[in-house]
Amino acid sequence: MNPKNLALFAVVFAMLVLVGLLQSWTVALTILNLCLISAIMSLGVNVQWGYAGLFNFGAMGFVALGGVAAVIVSMPPVGEAWAAGGVRVTAALLVGAGTIVGSIYTWKSLQPGRKRWMILIGMAGTGFFLFRFLFDPAVAAIENVNPAATGYLGGLGLPILLAWPVGGLLAAGAAWVVGKTALGLRSDYLAIATFGISEIIIVVIKNEDWLTRGVKNVIGLPRPVAYEVDLQKTDAFLTWAPRLGMDPVELSSIFVKLSYAILFTLVLVVIVWLSQKALASPWGRMMRAIRDNETAAGAMGKNVTARHLQVFILGSAICGVAGAMLTTLDGQLTPGSYQPLRFTFLIWVMVIVGGSGNNWGSILGGFVIWFLWVEVEPVGRWLMDTVTADLPEGSALRLHLVNAAAHMRLVVMGVILLLVLRFFPRGLIPGK
């Protein structure tokens, strides 16, 4: 990495240190953790766009699937819900999967004609009605089991760190299905299709209470790190807190956030190492050739569609890992917080500002954009209070400016994007 790039990262970390000094180290470490997760999301989109030129606007759907994986893996199973309808739901899902597989096999094995259509319609219709016959009463029974506290099947009760790779696998599986149906589209149509599919995924997560409790949220996910309350009871914290000029509550909060930061940094290091290796390999050169000229790459014997599907799955898996990490950090799954239009825009700004096609640029973009997204609003409020300090308390202009501070983050994101596109059209750390 050249001195200019190192200087850019140094500026970002200096801003985090400044937040720690002027606000609090708890806030600074919270921003750091979210920046690390944002950098991983940005890497996932960069693998798709920067490597292969795929315009995926459905990243938030795969992030949400990572969050679902955290629930499925780590939450304890709800025994009453399983007794009420768990077996029947499982049977219904197997019937649905069997119907889809059977329909695909029928379509491929029979000759085109009326007979194939009749068999296909009969199989699909029978499977659909059998699925609804099993599924609907089972779901109703599950959701009636203490709906205020559970009302869902729960999970497997395993360590939540296992949810991170599982989130990647779940997102990869969904990406395979999406890619099989959508990757033949032109780039602008692909963006529309993936955005629509992302909305569908999130709507399903919001409404299938038996799986994720829907908008009632799943709270109390296990942690991969210690709890602050437990740390505050230990002799080490009670001894060291006064020596460091902190109370045990503050020190325990900093310790927990540092523990998360170490875990997230390890994941980021592994992903960026693998991404760099892939980019420098013959596979990476082939992907860049496909990105630059699909027709020429196809003429050289490269299977463009298969490679597009491959890179689409890889990028979505990275987003799924990031989604599981984000849910782990929050300690809860809140489907209502997944807003594809807003946060997909943010992820794309990270990639564009950092530099598409460059993994280090994507990481830098993730840090810069998320830092500004969090800090612009409080800084904007302070700025408006300072500017309007001499105006009367009830001044209409003062009230308008103070209330407008909440919208500063959107204005700043737009201004930054325009400035970068004007003066650094290939990003702060452009791809080679």
Protein backbone atom coordinates (compact mmCIF):
# COMPACT_ATOMS: atom_id res chain seq x y z
CA MET A 1 0.00 0.00 0.00
CA ASN A 2 1.46 3.36 -1.02
CA PRO A 3 1.92 6.33 1.35
CA LYS A 4 -1.13 8.16 0.00
CA ASN A 5 -3.43 5.25 0.83
CA LEU A 6 -1.86 4.83 4.26
CA ALA A 7 -2.43 8.54 4.88
CA LEU A 8 -6.11 8.20 3.98
CA PHE A 9 -6.57 5.37 6.48
CA ALA A 10 -4.60 7.34 9.08
CA VAL A 11 -7.02 10.27 8.66
CA VAL A 12 -9.99 7.96 9.24
CA PHE A 13 -8.52 6.52 12.44
CA ALA A 14 -7.55 10.02 13.59
CA MET A 15 -11.22 11.00 13.25
CA LEU A 16 -12.21 8.01 15.39
CA VAL A 17 -9.65 9.02 18.02
CA LEU A 18 -11.03 12.58 17.92
CA VAL A 19 -14.53 11.22 18.60
CA GLY A 20 -13.13 9.28 21.55
CA LEU A 21 -11.49 12.40 22.97
CA LEU A 22 -14.36 14.83 22.37
CA GLN A 23 -17.37 12.55 22.89
CA SER A 24 -16.50 9.23 24.49
CA TRP A 25 -14.50 6.11 23.76
CA THR A 26 -17.69 4.08 23.93
CA VAL A 27 -19.13 6.08 21.01
CA ALA A 28 -15.84 5.84 19.08
CA LEU A 29 -15.68 2.05 19.48
CA THR A 30 -19.35 1.69 18.53
CA ILE A 31 -18.65 3.59 15.30
CA LEU A 32 -15.52 1.49 14.71
CA ASN A 33 -17.50 -1.76 14.98
CA LEU A 34 -20.14 -0.53 12.55
CA CYS A 35 -17.42 0.70 10.19
CA LEU A 36 -15.83 -2.77 10.20
CA ILE A 37 -19.16 -4.39 9.33
CA SER A 38 -19.82 -1.74 6.65
CA ALA A 39 -16.40 -2.43 5.15
CA ILE A 40 -17.30 -6.13 4.82
CA MET A 41 -20.62 -5.26 3.14
CA SER A 42 -18.77 -2.93 0.79
CA LEU A 43 -16.31 -5.72 -0.05
CA GLY A 44 -19.23 -8.00 -0.96
CA VAL A 45 -20.66 -5.48 -3.41
CA ASN A 46 -17.18 -4.70 -4.76
CA VAL A 47 -16.63 -8.39 -5.56
CA GLN A 48 -19.74 -8.26 -7.75
CA TRP A 49 -19.36 -4.81 -9.30
CA GLY A 50 -15.63 -4.18 -9.17
CA TYR A 51 -14.63 -7.67 -10.28
CA ALA A 52 -17.34 -8.55 -12.77
CA GLY A 53 -19.46 -5.45 -13.42
CA LEU A 54 -22.65 -6.92 -11.89
CA PHE A 55 -25.06 -4.19 -10.81
CA ASN A 56 -26.65 -5.79 -7.74
CA PHE A 57 -29.14 -3.54 -5.95
CA GLY A 58 -30.36 -6.26 -3.60
CA ALA A 59 -27.52 -6.36 -1.09
CA MET A 60 -29.79 -5.65 1.88
CA GLY A 61 -31.83 -8.77 1.19
CA PHE A 62 -28.71 -10.91 1.63
CA VAL A 63 -27.70 -8.92 4.71
CA ALA A 64 -31.15 -9.66 6.16
CA LEU A 65 -30.71 -13.39 5.48
CA GLY A 66 -27.50 -13.24 7.50
CA GLY A 67 -29.53 -11.79 10.37
CA VAL A 68 -32.05 -14.63 10.08
CA ALA A 69 -29.16 -17.12 10.27
CA ALA A 70 -28.12 -15.63 13.62
CA VAL A 71 -31.60 -16.39 14.99
CA ILE A 72 -31.82 -19.88 13.51
CA VAL A 73 -28.39 -20.91 14.77
CA SER A 74 -28.16 -19.32 18.20
CA MET A 75 -31.61 -18.97 19.76
CA PRO A 76 -32.86 -21.91 21.86
CA PRO A 77 -35.68 -23.99 20.35
CA VAL A 78 -39.20 -23.31 21.61
CA GLY A 79 -40.40 -26.76 22.66
CA GLU A 80 -44.11 -25.89 22.82
CA ALA A 81 -44.01 -24.38 19.34
CA TRP A 82 -42.31 -27.46 17.92
CA ALA A 83 -44.90 -29.67 19.58
CA ALA A 84 -47.73 -27.51 18.23
CA GLY A 85 -46.68 -27.44 14.58
CA GLY A 86 -42.96 -27.90 14.03
CA VAL A 87 -43.17 -31.30 12.37
CA ARG A 88 -46.03 -30.20 10.13
CA VAL A 89 -44.18 -27.05 9.01
CA THR A 90 -41.11 -29.15 8.22
CA ALA A 91 -43.24 -31.55 6.18
CA ALA A 92 -44.83 -28.62 4.33
CA LEU A 93 -41.43 -27.15 3.46
CA LEU A 94 -40.24 -30.54 2.19
CA VAL A 95 -43.39 -30.82 0.05
CA GLY A 96 -42.75 -27.34 -1.36
CA ALA A 97 -39.11 -28.11 -2.15
CA GLY A 98 -40.07 -31.46 -3.67
CA THR A 99 -42.68 -29.80 -5.86
CA ILE A 100 -40.17 -27.27 -7.18
CA VAL A 101 -37.50 -29.93 -7.85
CA GLY A 102 -40.05 -32.25 -9.45
CA SER A 103 -41.38 -29.49 -11.67
CA ILE A 104 -37.87 -28.59 -12.85
CA TYR A 105 -37.09 -32.25 -13.56
CA THR A 106 -40.36 -32.67 -15.46
CA TRP A 107 -39.68 -29.57 -17.54
CA LYS A 108 -36.22 -30.81 -18.51
CA SER A 109 -37.02 -34.51 -19.06
CA LEU A 110 -40.23 -34.35 -21.12
CA GLN A 111 -40.48 -33.23 -24.70
CA PRO A 112 -42.12 -29.84 -25.36
CA GLY A 113 -45.84 -30.09 -25.94
CA ARG A 114 -49.25 -30.27 -24.33
CA LYS A 115 -48.42 -33.38 -22.31
CA ARG A 116 -45.53 -31.65 -20.54
CA TRP A 117 -47.68 -28.64 -19.69
CA MET A 118 -50.52 -30.81 -18.34
CA ILE A 119 -48.20 -32.84 -16.11
CA LEU A 120 -46.42 -29.71 -14.94
CA ILE A 121 -49.67 -27.92 -14.04
CA GLY A 122 -50.96 -31.01 -12.25
CA MET A 123 -47.77 -31.41 -10.20
CA ALA A 124 -47.59 -27.72 -9.31
CA GLY A 125 -51.27 -27.52 -8.38
CA THR A 126 -51.19 -30.67 -6.24
CA GLY A 127 -48.01 -29.58 -4.51
CA PHE A 128 -49.36 -26.10 -3.83
CA PHE A 129 -52.61 -27.27 -2.23
CA LEU A 130 -50.84 -29.97 -0.20
CA PHE A 131 -48.29 -27.37 0.97
CA ARG A 132 -51.03 -24.96 2.09
CA PHE A 133 -52.95 -27.82 3.77
CA LEU A 134 -49.94 -28.66 5.92
CA PHE A 135 -48.44 -25.19 6.33
CA ASP A 136 -51.31 -22.86 7.27
CA PRO A 137 -52.69 -24.67 10.37
CA ALA A 138 -49.16 -25.42 11.59
CA VAL A 139 -48.14 -21.77 11.37
CA ALA A 140 -51.30 -20.66 13.17
CA ALA A 141 -50.60 -23.13 15.98
CA ILE A 142 -46.96 -22.03 16.32
CA GLU A 143 -47.76 -18.33 16.38
CA ASN A 144 -50.39 -18.87 19.09
CA VAL A 145 -47.80 -20.25 21.51
CA ASN A 146 -47.16 -17.33 23.88
CA PRO A 147 -47.06 -14.76 21.04
CA ALA A 148 -45.91 -11.92 23.33
CA ALA A 149 -42.64 -13.70 24.14
CA THR A 150 -42.13 -16.42 21.53
CA GLY A 151 -44.71 -17.38 18.87
CA TYR A 152 -41.95 -18.90 16.73
CA LEU A 153 -39.93 -22.10 16.49
CA GLY A 154 -36.70 -20.66 17.83
CA GLY A 155 -33.31 -21.89 16.71
CA LEU A 156 -30.75 -24.61 17.31
CA GLY A 157 -29.18 -23.18 20.47
CA LEU A 158 -25.62 -23.30 19.06
CA PRO A 159 -22.82 -20.74 19.60
CA ILE A 160 -23.62 -17.57 17.70
CA LEU A 161 -20.20 -17.43 16.03
CA LEU A 162 -21.37 -20.39 13.93
CA ALA A 163 -24.10 -18.12 12.58
CA TRP A 164 -21.57 -16.01 10.68
CA PRO A 165 -20.53 -18.71 8.16
CA VAL A 166 -24.10 -20.05 8.14
CA GLY A 167 -25.31 -16.55 7.22
CA GLY A 168 -22.90 -16.59 4.31
CA LEU A 169 -24.15 -20.02 3.19
CA LEU A 170 -27.81 -18.96 3.47
CA ALA A 171 -27.16 -15.82 1.42
CA ALA A 172 -25.16 -17.84 -1.11
CA GLY A 173 -28.04 -20.30 -1.54
CA ALA A 174 -30.49 -17.47 -2.11
CA ALA A 175 -28.03 -15.83 -4.53
CA TRP A 176 -27.84 -19.06 -6.54
CA VAL A 177 -31.63 -19.05 -6.96
CA VAL A 178 -31.70 -15.33 -7.80
CA GLY A 179 -28.74 -15.62 -10.15
CA LYS A 180 -30.27 -18.49 -12.08
CA THR A 181 -33.31 -16.36 -12.86
CA ALA A 182 -31.96 -12.79 -13.10
CA LEU A 183 -28.35 -12.79 -14.31
CA GLY A 184 -29.35 -12.97 -17.95
CA LEU A 185 -30.75 -9.46 -17.69
CA ARG A 186 -28.98 -6.31 -18.85
CA SER A 187 -27.29 -4.28 -16.10
CA ASP A 188 -30.11 -1.76 -15.53
CA TYR A 189 -32.78 -4.48 -15.55
CA LEU A 190 -30.61 -6.58 -13.25
CA ALA A 191 -30.50 -3.69 -10.75
CA ILE A 192 -34.30 -3.41 -10.80
CA ALA A 193 -34.76 -7.19 -10.49
CA THR A 194 -32.33 -7.60 -7.60
CA PHE A 195 -33.85 -4.63 -5.77
CA GLY A 196 -37.31 -6.17 -6.14
CA ILE A 197 -36.07 -9.56 -4.94
CA SER A 198 -34.43 -7.87 -1.95
CA GLU A 199 -37.77 -6.28 -1.06
CA ILE A 200 -39.48 -9.67 -1.34
CA ILE A 201 -36.93 -11.30 1.00
CA ILE A 202 -37.39 -8.56 3.60
CA VAL A 203 -41.20 -8.65 3.34
CA VAL A 204 -41.11 -12.41 3.93
CA ILE A 205 -38.88 -11.95 6.98
CA LYS A 206 -41.23 -9.28 8.33
CA ASN A 207 -44.35 -11.41 7.91
CA GLU A 208 -43.30 -14.99 8.69
CA ASP A 209 -43.68 -14.76 12.46
CA TRP A 210 -43.23 -18.52 12.93
CA LEU A 211 -39.64 -18.14 11.70
CA THR A 212 -38.42 -14.69 12.83
CA ARG A 213 -41.27 -13.24 14.98
CA GLY A 214 -41.70 -10.66 12.22
CA VAL A 215 -41.95 -7.05 13.34
CA LYS A 216 -42.20 -8.20 16.98
CA ASN A 217 -38.42 -8.75 16.78
CA VAL A 218 -36.24 -11.45 18.27
CA ILE A 219 -34.36 -10.10 21.28
CA GLY A 220 -31.77 -11.54 23.64
CA LEU A 221 -29.48 -13.22 21.12
CA PRO A 222 -26.46 -14.83 22.81
CA ARG A 223 -23.17 -12.98 22.70
CA PRO A 224 -19.74 -14.19 21.58
CA VAL A 225 -18.19 -11.87 24.19
CA ALA A 226 -18.72 -11.24 27.90
CA TYR A 227 -21.64 -9.28 29.36
CA GLU A 228 -20.97 -5.93 30.99
CA VAL A 229 -22.87 -6.88 34.14
CA ASP A 230 -20.68 -9.93 34.67
CA LEU A 231 -17.49 -7.95 34.09
CA GLN A 232 -18.51 -5.30 36.61
CA LYS A 233 -18.56 -7.95 39.34
CA THR A 234 -15.00 -9.09 38.77
CA ASP A 235 -12.14 -7.96 41.01
CA ALA A 236 -9.97 -6.97 38.04
CA PHE A 237 -12.46 -4.38 36.82
CA LEU A 238 -13.11 -3.05 40.29
CA THR A 239 -9.34 -2.66 40.76
CA TRP A 240 -8.33 -1.26 37.37
CA ALA A 241 -11.24 1.11 36.76
CA PRO A 242 -10.11 3.74 39.34
CA ARG A 243 -6.50 3.48 38.15
CA LEU A 244 -7.61 4.29 34.60
CA GLY A 245 -9.84 7.13 35.79
CA MET A 246 -13.04 5.29 34.83
CA ASP A 247 -15.89 3.68 36.65
CA PRO A 248 -16.41 -0.10 36.20
CA VAL A 249 -19.50 0.49 34.03
CA GLU A 250 -17.58 2.56 31.48
CA LEU A 251 -14.58 0.22 31.50
CA SER A 252 -16.75 -2.87 30.99
CA SER A 253 -18.53 -1.21 28.04
CA ILE A 254 -15.19 -0.34 26.42
CA PHE A 255 -13.89 -3.87 27.00
CA VAL A 256 -16.95 -5.46 25.36
CA LYS A 257 -16.77 -3.17 22.34
CA LEU A 258 -13.05 -3.81 21.97
CA SER A 259 -13.76 -7.55 22.06
CA TYR A 260 -16.28 -7.15 19.23
CA ALA A 261 -13.78 -5.01 17.30
CA ILE A 262 -11.13 -7.73 17.53
CA LEU A 263 -13.55 -10.39 16.25
CA PHE A 264 -14.79 -8.18 13.41
CA THR A 265 -11.23 -7.22 12.46
CA LEU A 266 -10.23 -10.88 12.23
CA VAL A 267 -13.15 -11.59 9.89
CA LEU A 268 -12.34 -8.53 7.78
CA VAL A 269 -8.67 -9.55 7.53
CA VAL A 270 -9.59 -13.07 6.40
CA ILE A 271 -12.08 -11.82 3.79
CA VAL A 272 -9.78 -9.14 2.38
CA TRP A 273 -6.86 -11.60 2.26
CA LEU A 274 -8.95 -14.10 0.30
CA SER A 275 -10.30 -11.32 -1.93
CA GLN A 276 -6.81 -10.05 -2.71
CA LYS A 277 -5.61 -13.57 -3.49
CA ALA A 278 -8.59 -14.12 -5.78
CA LEU A 279 -8.10 -10.77 -7.54
CA ALA A 280 -4.43 -11.50 -8.25
CA SER A 281 -5.11 -15.05 -9.48
CA PRO A 282 -5.91 -16.17 -13.06
CA TRP A 283 -9.56 -16.30 -11.93
CA GLY A 284 -9.38 -12.60 -10.99
CA ARG A 285 -7.82 -11.68 -14.33
CA MET A 286 -10.56 -13.62 -16.10
CA MET A 287 -13.25 -11.80 -14.11
CA ARG A 288 -11.77 -8.41 -15.00
CA ALA A 289 -11.63 -9.43 -18.65
CA ILE A 290 -15.33 -10.36 -18.50
CA ARG A 291 -16.09 -7.05 -16.78
CA ASP A 292 -14.28 -5.03 -19.44
CA ASN A 293 -15.59 -6.87 -22.50
CA GLU A 294 -18.02 -9.77 -22.17
CA THR A 295 -18.11 -10.40 -25.92
CA ALA A 296 -14.33 -10.72 -26.22
CA ALA A 297 -14.15 -12.95 -23.13
CA GLY A 298 -16.88 -15.19 -24.53
CA ALA A 299 -15.04 -15.41 -27.85
CA MET A 300 -11.99 -16.64 -25.92
CA GLY A 301 -14.03 -19.56 -24.61
CA LYS A 302 -14.98 -18.21 -21.18
CA ASN A 303 -18.42 -19.15 -19.84
CA VAL A 304 -19.58 -15.62 -18.97
CA THR A 305 -22.93 -16.64 -17.48
CA ALA A 306 -21.37 -19.26 -15.18
CA ARG A 307 -18.67 -16.84 -14.01
CA HIS A 308 -21.29 -14.15 -13.35
CA LEU A 309 -23.26 -16.60 -11.23
CA GLN A 310 -20.11 -17.59 -9.37
CA VAL A 311 -19.11 -14.05 -8.45
CA PHE A 312 -22.70 -13.12 -7.63
CA ILE A 313 -22.83 -15.97 -5.09
CA LEU A 314 -19.46 -15.01 -3.58
CA GLY A 315 -20.38 -11.34 -3.11
CA SER A 316 -23.78 -12.21 -1.64
CA ALA A 317 -22.17 -14.67 0.79
CA ILE A 318 -19.90 -11.89 2.08
CA CYS A 319 -22.97 -9.67 2.60
CA GLY A 320 -24.65 -12.54 4.46
CA VAL A 321 -21.66 -12.86 6.81
CA ALA A 322 -21.82 -9.10 7.47
CA GLY A 323 -25.57 -9.36 8.18
CA ALA A 324 -25.02 -12.08 10.76
CA MET A 325 -22.29 -9.99 12.39
CA LEU A 326 -24.54 -6.92 12.52
CA THR A 327 -27.35 -8.87 14.20
CA THR A 328 -24.83 -10.32 16.66
CA LEU A 329 -23.61 -6.83 17.54
CA ASP A 330 -27.18 -5.55 18.01
CA GLY A 331 -28.18 -8.59 20.08
CA GLN A 332 -31.53 -8.70 18.31
CA LEU A 333 -33.14 -9.21 14.92
CA THR A 334 -35.29 -6.24 13.90
CA PRO A 335 -36.68 -6.87 10.40
CA GLY A 336 -38.22 -3.39 10.32
CA SER A 337 -34.74 -1.84 10.33
CA TYR A 338 -33.82 -3.35 6.96
CA GLN A 339 -34.54 -0.53 4.51
CA PRO A 340 -33.23 -1.57 1.09
CA LEU A 341 -33.50 1.82 -0.61
CA ARG A 342 -31.59 3.75 2.06
CA PHE A 343 -28.90 1.28 3.02
CA THR A 344 -28.33 -0.15 -0.47
CA PHE A 345 -27.63 3.44 -1.54
CA LEU A 346 -25.15 3.79 1.33
CA ILE A 347 -23.29 0.61 0.42
CA TRP A 348 -22.99 1.73 -3.18
CA VAL A 349 -21.71 5.13 -2.07
CA MET A 350 -19.05 3.31 -0.02
CA VAL A 351 -17.89 1.36 -3.08
CA ILE A 352 -17.94 4.38 -5.41
CA VAL A 353 -16.21 6.73 -2.99
CA GLY A 354 -13.59 4.17 -1.97
CA GLY A 355 -12.89 2.96 -5.50
CA SER A 356 -14.63 0.09 -7.27
CA GLY A 357 -12.38 -2.80 -8.21
CA ASN A 358 -10.02 -2.12 -5.30
CA ASN A 359 -10.58 -4.01 -2.05
CA TRP A 360 -8.67 -1.47 0.03
CA GLY A 361 -10.73 1.29 -1.53
CA SER A 362 -13.95 -0.49 -0.56
CA ILE A 363 -12.73 -0.81 3.04
CA LEU A 364 -11.81 2.88 3.12
CA GLY A 365 -15.19 3.80 1.66
CA GLY A 366 -16.97 1.71 4.28
CA PHE A 367 -15.13 3.50 7.08
CA VAL A 368 -15.50 7.02 5.67
CA ILE A 369 -19.16 6.85 4.70
CA TRP A 370 -20.38 5.13 7.86
CA PHE A 371 -18.38 7.47 10.07
CA LEU A 372 -19.94 10.47 8.37
CA TRP A 373 -23.41 8.87 8.39
CA VAL A 374 -23.23 8.59 12.18
CA GLU A 375 -21.40 11.80 13.03
CA VAL A 376 -22.88 14.33 10.58
CA GLU A 377 -26.17 14.64 12.45
CA PRO A 378 -24.76 15.50 15.93
CA VAL A 379 -22.11 17.75 14.35
CA GLY A 380 -24.79 19.40 12.24
CA ARG A 381 -26.93 19.98 15.32
CA TRP A 382 -23.97 21.55 17.13
CA LEU A 383 -23.23 23.72 14.09
CA MET A 384 -26.84 24.93 13.83
CA ASP A 385 -26.94 25.67 17.56
CA THR A 386 -23.73 27.68 17.23
CA VAL A 387 -24.88 29.61 14.15
CA THR A 388 -28.27 30.46 15.67
CA ALA A 389 -27.01 31.20 19.20
CA ASP A 390 -27.65 34.95 18.82
CA LEU A 391 -31.18 34.54 17.44
CA PRO A 392 -34.21 34.79 19.77
CA GLU A 393 -35.36 31.52 21.39
CA GLY A 394 -38.64 31.42 19.49
CA SER A 395 -37.24 32.59 16.14
CA ALA A 396 -38.79 30.79 13.17
CA LEU A 397 -35.44 30.78 11.36
CA ARG A 398 -33.70 29.24 14.36
CA LEU A 399 -36.33 26.52 14.73
CA HIS A 400 -36.15 25.75 11.02
CA LEU A 401 -32.35 25.45 10.98
CA VAL A 402 -32.23 23.33 14.14
CA ASN A 403 -34.90 20.97 12.81
CA ALA A 404 -33.10 20.77 9.46
CA ALA A 405 -29.99 19.39 11.18
CA ALA A 406 -31.58 15.92 11.16
CA HIS A 407 -31.46 15.95 7.35
CA MET A 408 -27.82 16.99 7.14
CA ARG A 409 -26.58 13.42 6.68
CA LEU A 410 -28.49 12.97 3.40
CA VAL A 411 -27.22 16.31 2.09
CA VAL A 412 -23.65 15.50 3.08
CA MET A 413 -23.79 12.05 1.44
CA GLY A 414 -24.95 13.65 -1.81
CA VAL A 415 -22.31 16.37 -1.68
CA ILE A 416 -19.51 13.87 -0.95
CA LEU A 417 -20.62 11.64 -3.83
CA LEU A 418 -20.66 14.60 -6.23
CA LEU A 419 -17.24 15.86 -5.11
CA VAL A 420 -15.65 12.43 -5.38
CA LEU A 421 -17.14 11.84 -8.82
CA ARG A 422 -15.89 15.25 -9.92
CA PHE A 423 -12.34 15.16 -8.55
CA PHE A 424 -11.74 11.39 -8.03
CA PRO A 425 -13.96 9.74 -10.67
CA ARG A 426 -12.42 6.31 -9.99
CA GLY A 427 -12.61 6.66 -6.18
CA LEU A 428 -10.14 7.59 -3.47
CA ILE A 429 -8.16 4.36 -4.00
CA PRO A 430 -8.94 3.38 -7.60
CA GLY A 431 -8.62 -0.12 -8.96
CA LYS A 432 -5.60 -0.87 -11.14
